[in-house]
Amino acid sequence: QLQLVESGGGLVQPGGSLRLSCAASGLSLDMYHVGWFRQAPGKEREGVSSISSYDESTYYADSVQGRFTISRDNTEKIVYLQMNSLKPEDTAVYYCNAIRGPTTYWGQGTQVTVSS
């Protein structure tokens, strides 16, 4: 059983930065395709970024391309989401998930608020 715990959220001013962490326990994370999603109040959950377990290829939503960077530390079993140049519209609860075959795990989420 894989458990995921997100951390690193908080309140930041526009233009600021945060680094989110998705820490895994129970199983190794390097065999999983890992993604970051977010859900703002009144909106559907949307995919933000992901990193492949096969070749470490990455994906970014257009809205975060050039500002967010996803990376993984397989030794520490953590996937990071570095978020720079944050905008108020980035405000949301951020979730990570891990997928391998038919199995998907989700974390509990961490709140990111971008406001002056």
N, C-alpha and C. Protein backbone atom coordinates (compact mmCIF):
# COMPACT_ATOMS: atom_id res chain seq x y z
N GLN A 1 0.84 -1.19 0.00
CA GLN A 1 0.00 0.00 0.00
C GLN A 1 0.88 1.24 0.00
N LEU A 2 0.57 2.16 -0.90
CA LEU A 2 1.33 3.40 -1.00
C LEU A 2 0.53 4.51 -0.34
N GLN A 3 1.18 5.29 0.49
CA GLN A 3 0.56 6.46 1.08
C GLN A 3 1.30 7.71 0.63
N LEU A 4 0.55 8.74 0.29
CA LEU A 4 1.13 9.99 -0.18
C LEU A 4 0.75 11.12 0.75
N VAL A 5 1.72 11.97 1.07
CA VAL A 5 1.46 13.12 1.93
C VAL A 5 2.06 14.36 1.27
N GLU A 6 1.19 15.33 0.99
CA GLU A 6 1.65 16.59 0.40
C GLU A 6 2.00 17.57 1.52
N SER A 7 2.96 18.44 1.24
CA SER A 7 3.32 19.50 2.18
C SER A 7 3.93 20.65 1.39
N GLY A 8 4.11 21.78 2.07
CA GLY A 8 4.77 22.92 1.45
C GLY A 8 3.83 24.03 1.03
N GLY A 9 2.53 23.82 1.17
CA GLY A 9 1.60 24.87 0.81
C GLY A 9 1.63 26.01 1.82
N GLY A 10 0.92 27.07 1.49
CA GLY A 10 0.85 28.20 2.38
C GLY A 10 0.36 29.44 1.68
N LEU A 11 0.54 30.56 2.34
CA LEU A 11 0.15 31.87 1.80
C LEU A 11 1.38 32.56 1.24
N VAL A 12 1.28 33.03 0.01
CA VAL A 12 2.40 33.70 -0.63
C VAL A 12 1.86 34.87 -1.45
N GLN A 13 2.67 35.90 -1.58
CA GLN A 13 2.27 37.06 -2.37
C GLN A 13 2.43 36.76 -3.86
N PRO A 14 1.69 37.44 -4.71
CA PRO A 14 1.87 37.29 -6.15
C PRO A 14 3.33 37.53 -6.53
N GLY A 15 3.81 36.67 -7.41
CA GLY A 15 5.21 36.74 -7.80
C GLY A 15 6.14 35.90 -6.95
N GLY A 16 5.62 35.38 -5.87
CA GLY A 16 6.44 34.58 -4.96
C GLY A 16 6.56 33.13 -5.42
N SER A 17 7.24 32.34 -4.57
CA SER A 17 7.52 30.95 -4.89
C SER A 17 7.15 30.04 -3.72
N LEU A 18 6.82 28.82 -4.06
CA LEU A 18 6.62 27.77 -3.08
C LEU A 18 7.14 26.47 -3.69
N ARG A 19 7.58 25.55 -2.83
CA ARG A 19 7.92 24.22 -3.29
C ARG A 19 7.06 23.21 -2.56
N LEU A 20 6.24 22.52 -3.32
CA LEU A 20 5.41 21.47 -2.75
C LEU A 20 6.15 20.14 -2.79
N SER A 21 5.90 19.32 -1.78
CA SER A 21 6.47 17.99 -1.71
C SER A 21 5.37 16.95 -1.64
N CYS A 22 5.59 15.85 -2.31
CA CYS A 22 4.70 14.70 -2.26
C CYS A 22 5.55 13.54 -1.77
N ALA A 23 5.40 13.21 -0.50
CA ALA A 23 6.23 12.17 0.10
C ALA A 23 5.48 10.85 0.15
N ALA A 24 6.19 9.79 -0.23
CA ALA A 24 5.58 8.47 -0.27
C ALA A 24 6.08 7.60 0.87
N SER A 25 5.20 6.76 1.35
CA SER A 25 5.60 5.76 2.34
C SER A 25 4.91 4.45 1.99
N GLY A 26 5.53 3.38 2.40
CA GLY A 26 4.93 2.07 2.15
C GLY A 26 5.54 1.37 0.96
N LEU A 27 5.69 2.06 -0.16
CA LEU A 27 6.27 1.50 -1.37
C LEU A 27 7.19 2.53 -2.01
N SER A 28 8.04 2.06 -2.90
CA SER A 28 8.92 2.97 -3.62
C SER A 28 8.14 3.74 -4.66
N LEU A 29 8.45 5.02 -4.79
CA LEU A 29 7.71 5.89 -5.69
C LEU A 29 8.25 5.84 -7.13
N ASP A 30 9.45 5.28 -7.31
CA ASP A 30 10.08 5.39 -8.63
C ASP A 30 9.38 4.54 -9.68
N MET A 31 8.52 3.60 -9.27
CA MET A 31 7.80 2.78 -10.23
C MET A 31 6.45 3.38 -10.62
N TYR A 32 6.17 4.57 -10.11
CA TYR A 32 4.86 5.19 -10.33
C TYR A 32 4.98 6.45 -11.18
N HIS A 33 4.01 6.61 -12.04
CA HIS A 33 3.81 7.88 -12.74
C HIS A 33 3.15 8.82 -11.74
N VAL A 34 3.77 9.97 -11.49
CA VAL A 34 3.29 10.87 -10.44
C VAL A 34 2.80 12.17 -11.05
N GLY A 35 1.67 12.62 -10.58
CA GLY A 35 1.11 13.86 -11.09
C GLY A 35 0.69 14.81 -9.99
N TRP A 36 0.65 16.08 -10.32
CA TRP A 36 0.12 17.12 -9.43
C TRP A 36 -1.17 17.66 -10.06
N PHE A 37 -2.18 17.79 -9.24
CA PHE A 37 -3.46 18.33 -9.64
C PHE A 37 -3.82 19.46 -8.68
N ARG A 38 -4.78 20.28 -9.09
CA ARG A 38 -5.25 21.31 -8.17
C ARG A 38 -6.74 21.51 -8.35
N GLN A 39 -7.36 21.98 -7.28
CA GLN A 39 -8.79 22.25 -7.33
C GLN A 39 -9.07 23.54 -6.59
N ALA A 40 -9.56 24.52 -7.33
CA ALA A 40 -9.94 25.80 -6.76
C ALA A 40 -11.41 25.72 -6.35
N PRO A 41 -11.83 26.57 -5.42
CA PRO A 41 -13.24 26.57 -4.99
C PRO A 41 -14.19 26.75 -6.17
N GLY A 42 -15.18 25.87 -6.26
CA GLY A 42 -16.18 25.96 -7.31
C GLY A 42 -15.72 25.47 -8.67
N LYS A 43 -14.51 24.93 -8.73
CA LYS A 43 -13.99 24.46 -10.02
C LYS A 43 -13.65 22.98 -9.95
N GLU A 44 -13.54 22.38 -11.13
CA GLU A 44 -13.16 20.98 -11.18
C GLU A 44 -11.66 20.83 -10.95
N ARG A 45 -11.29 19.64 -10.50
CA ARG A 45 -9.87 19.34 -10.34
C ARG A 45 -9.21 19.30 -11.71
N GLU A 46 -8.03 19.91 -11.80
CA GLU A 46 -7.32 19.96 -13.09
C GLU A 46 -5.89 19.47 -12.92
N GLY A 47 -5.39 18.88 -13.97
CA GLY A 47 -4.01 18.42 -13.97
C GLY A 47 -3.07 19.59 -14.15
N VAL A 48 -2.01 19.61 -13.38
CA VAL A 48 -1.03 20.69 -13.41
C VAL A 48 0.29 20.21 -14.03
N SER A 49 0.77 19.08 -13.57
CA SER A 49 2.07 18.60 -14.03
C SER A 49 2.17 17.12 -13.72
N SER A 50 3.05 16.42 -14.44
CA SER A 50 3.29 15.02 -14.15
C SER A 50 4.69 14.64 -14.59
N ILE A 51 5.16 13.52 -14.02
CA ILE A 51 6.47 13.00 -14.38
C ILE A 51 6.35 11.50 -14.55
N SER A 52 6.93 11.01 -15.64
CA SER A 52 6.80 9.61 -16.00
C SER A 52 7.74 8.73 -15.19
N SER A 53 7.29 7.50 -14.93
CA SER A 53 8.15 6.52 -14.28
C SER A 53 9.08 5.84 -15.28
N TYR A 54 8.80 5.95 -16.59
CA TYR A 54 9.57 5.25 -17.60
C TYR A 54 10.84 6.00 -17.99
N ASP A 55 10.66 7.28 -18.36
CA ASP A 55 11.79 8.05 -18.89
C ASP A 55 11.93 9.42 -18.27
N GLU A 56 11.22 9.64 -17.17
CA GLU A 56 11.26 10.92 -16.47
C GLU A 56 10.76 12.08 -17.33
N SER A 57 10.04 11.78 -18.39
CA SER A 57 9.49 12.87 -19.19
C SER A 57 8.43 13.60 -18.37
N THR A 58 8.26 14.87 -18.67
CA THR A 58 7.38 15.71 -17.87
C THR A 58 6.30 16.35 -18.72
N TYR A 59 5.22 16.70 -18.05
CA TYR A 59 4.10 17.39 -18.68
C TYR A 59 3.73 18.58 -17.81
N TYR A 60 3.36 19.67 -18.47
CA TYR A 60 2.88 20.85 -17.75
C TYR A 60 1.63 21.39 -18.45
N ALA A 61 0.67 21.80 -17.67
CA ALA A 61 -0.48 22.50 -18.23
C ALA A 61 -0.01 23.84 -18.78
N ASP A 62 -0.70 24.32 -19.80
CA ASP A 62 -0.32 25.59 -20.41
C ASP A 62 -0.28 26.72 -19.39
N SER A 63 -1.17 26.67 -18.42
CA SER A 63 -1.29 27.75 -17.44
C SER A 63 -0.09 27.85 -16.51
N VAL A 64 0.73 26.78 -16.43
CA VAL A 64 1.87 26.81 -15.51
C VAL A 64 3.20 26.62 -16.23
N GLN A 65 3.15 26.34 -17.53
CA GLN A 65 4.36 26.12 -18.32
C GLN A 65 5.31 27.30 -18.14
N GLY A 66 6.57 26.99 -17.85
CA GLY A 66 7.57 28.03 -17.68
C GLY A 66 7.66 28.59 -16.27
N ARG A 67 6.68 28.27 -15.42
CA ARG A 67 6.70 28.76 -14.04
C ARG A 67 6.85 27.63 -13.03
N PHE A 68 6.35 26.47 -13.34
CA PHE A 68 6.40 25.32 -12.43
C PHE A 68 7.39 24.29 -12.96
N THR A 69 8.04 23.59 -12.03
CA THR A 69 8.95 22.52 -12.40
C THR A 69 8.71 21.32 -11.50
N ILE A 70 8.51 20.16 -12.12
CA ILE A 70 8.32 18.93 -11.37
C ILE A 70 9.61 18.14 -11.39
N SER A 71 9.92 17.48 -10.27
CA SER A 71 11.12 16.66 -10.20
C SER A 71 10.89 15.57 -9.17
N ARG A 72 11.71 14.54 -9.23
CA ARG A 72 11.56 13.47 -8.25
C ARG A 72 12.91 13.10 -7.66
N ASP A 73 12.87 12.72 -6.41
CA ASP A 73 14.05 12.23 -5.69
C ASP A 73 13.69 10.81 -5.27
N ASN A 74 14.11 9.83 -6.06
CA ASN A 74 13.70 8.45 -5.78
C ASN A 74 14.33 7.90 -4.50
N THR A 75 15.48 8.43 -4.16
CA THR A 75 16.12 7.97 -2.92
C THR A 75 15.27 8.36 -1.71
N GLU A 76 14.77 9.59 -1.74
CA GLU A 76 13.96 10.07 -0.62
C GLU A 76 12.48 9.77 -0.81
N LYS A 77 12.11 9.21 -1.97
CA LYS A 77 10.72 8.91 -2.27
C LYS A 77 9.86 10.15 -2.19
N ILE A 78 10.32 11.20 -2.84
CA ILE A 78 9.59 12.47 -2.85
C ILE A 78 9.52 12.99 -4.28
N VAL A 79 8.37 13.55 -4.63
CA VAL A 79 8.23 14.29 -5.88
C VAL A 79 7.94 15.74 -5.51
N TYR A 80 8.68 16.64 -6.14
CA TYR A 80 8.55 18.06 -5.84
C TYR A 80 7.82 18.80 -6.95
N LEU A 81 7.17 19.89 -6.57
CA LEU A 81 6.63 20.82 -7.55
C LEU A 81 7.11 22.21 -7.14
N GLN A 82 8.11 22.70 -7.87
CA GLN A 82 8.62 24.06 -7.63
C GLN A 82 7.73 25.03 -8.38
N MET A 83 7.16 25.97 -7.66
CA MET A 83 6.22 26.92 -8.25
C MET A 83 6.78 28.33 -8.10
N ASN A 84 7.08 28.95 -9.22
CA ASN A 84 7.61 30.31 -9.24
C ASN A 84 6.63 31.26 -9.90
N SER A 85 6.84 32.53 -9.69
CA SER A 85 6.00 33.57 -10.32
C SER A 85 4.52 33.27 -10.09
N LEU A 86 4.19 32.98 -8.87
CA LEU A 86 2.82 32.58 -8.55
C LEU A 86 1.83 33.71 -8.78
N LYS A 87 0.65 33.33 -9.22
CA LYS A 87 -0.41 34.27 -9.53
C LYS A 87 -1.63 33.96 -8.64
N PRO A 88 -2.49 34.92 -8.43
CA PRO A 88 -3.71 34.66 -7.63
C PRO A 88 -4.52 33.49 -8.17
N GLU A 89 -4.51 33.32 -9.49
CA GLU A 89 -5.28 32.22 -10.08
C GLU A 89 -4.66 30.85 -9.82
N ASP A 90 -3.48 30.81 -9.23
CA ASP A 90 -2.89 29.54 -8.81
C ASP A 90 -3.43 29.07 -7.46
N THR A 91 -4.23 29.90 -6.83
CA THR A 91 -4.80 29.53 -5.54
C THR A 91 -5.70 28.31 -5.67
N ALA A 92 -5.41 27.29 -4.87
CA ALA A 92 -6.15 26.03 -4.95
C ALA A 92 -5.60 25.07 -3.90
N VAL A 93 -6.32 23.97 -3.74
CA VAL A 93 -5.75 22.84 -3.00
C VAL A 93 -5.00 21.98 -4.02
N TYR A 94 -3.76 21.68 -3.71
CA TYR A 94 -2.92 20.91 -4.62
C TYR A 94 -2.80 19.47 -4.10
N TYR A 95 -3.02 18.53 -5.01
CA TYR A 95 -2.97 17.12 -4.70
C TYR A 95 -1.92 16.44 -5.57
N CYS A 96 -1.28 15.42 -5.02
CA CYS A 96 -0.46 14.58 -5.87
C CYS A 96 -1.12 13.21 -5.98
N ASN A 97 -0.85 12.54 -7.09
CA ASN A 97 -1.31 11.16 -7.21
C ASN A 97 -0.20 10.33 -7.83
N ALA A 98 -0.30 9.04 -7.63
CA ALA A 98 0.67 8.10 -8.15
C ALA A 98 -0.08 6.97 -8.82
N ILE A 99 0.33 6.66 -10.05
CA ILE A 99 -0.37 5.65 -10.85
C ILE A 99 0.62 4.58 -11.30
N ARG A 100 0.18 3.32 -11.15
CA ARG A 100 0.93 2.20 -11.71
C ARG A 100 -0.10 1.17 -12.14
N GLY A 101 -0.19 0.96 -13.44
CA GLY A 101 -1.20 0.04 -13.95
C GLY A 101 -2.58 0.53 -13.59
N PRO A 102 -3.42 -0.34 -13.04
CA PRO A 102 -4.80 0.03 -12.71
C PRO A 102 -4.96 0.71 -11.35
N THR A 103 -3.86 0.90 -10.66
CA THR A 103 -3.92 1.41 -9.29
C THR A 103 -3.52 2.87 -9.22
N THR A 104 -4.34 3.66 -8.54
CA THR A 104 -4.06 5.08 -8.35
C THR A 104 -4.18 5.42 -6.87
N TYR A 105 -3.21 6.16 -6.39
CA TYR A 105 -3.23 6.65 -5.01
C TYR A 105 -3.28 8.16 -5.03
N TRP A 106 -3.96 8.74 -4.03
CA TRP A 106 -4.05 10.19 -3.89
C TRP A 106 -3.60 10.60 -2.50
N GLY A 107 -3.01 11.79 -2.43
CA GLY A 107 -2.72 12.39 -1.15
C GLY A 107 -3.92 13.19 -0.67
N GLN A 108 -3.76 13.83 0.50
CA GLN A 108 -4.89 14.54 1.11
C GLN A 108 -4.96 16.00 0.67
N GLY A 109 -3.91 16.50 0.03
CA GLY A 109 -3.90 17.86 -0.47
C GLY A 109 -3.24 18.86 0.45
N THR A 110 -2.74 19.94 -0.15
CA THR A 110 -2.16 21.04 0.61
C THR A 110 -2.65 22.35 -0.01
N GLN A 111 -3.03 23.29 0.83
CA GLN A 111 -3.62 24.55 0.35
C GLN A 111 -2.53 25.52 -0.07
N VAL A 112 -2.70 26.10 -1.25
CA VAL A 112 -1.84 27.17 -1.73
C VAL A 112 -2.72 28.39 -1.95
N THR A 113 -2.35 29.49 -1.31
CA THR A 113 -3.10 30.74 -1.45
C THR A 113 -2.15 31.83 -1.90
N VAL A 114 -2.45 32.44 -3.04
CA VAL A 114 -1.63 33.51 -3.58
C VAL A 114 -2.44 34.80 -3.48
N SER A 115 -1.99 35.66 -2.59
CA SER A 115 -2.74 36.88 -2.32
C SER A 115 -1.84 37.93 -1.71
N SER A 116 -2.14 39.19 -2.01
CA SER A 116 -1.40 40.29 -1.40
C SER A 116 -2.12 40.79 -0.15
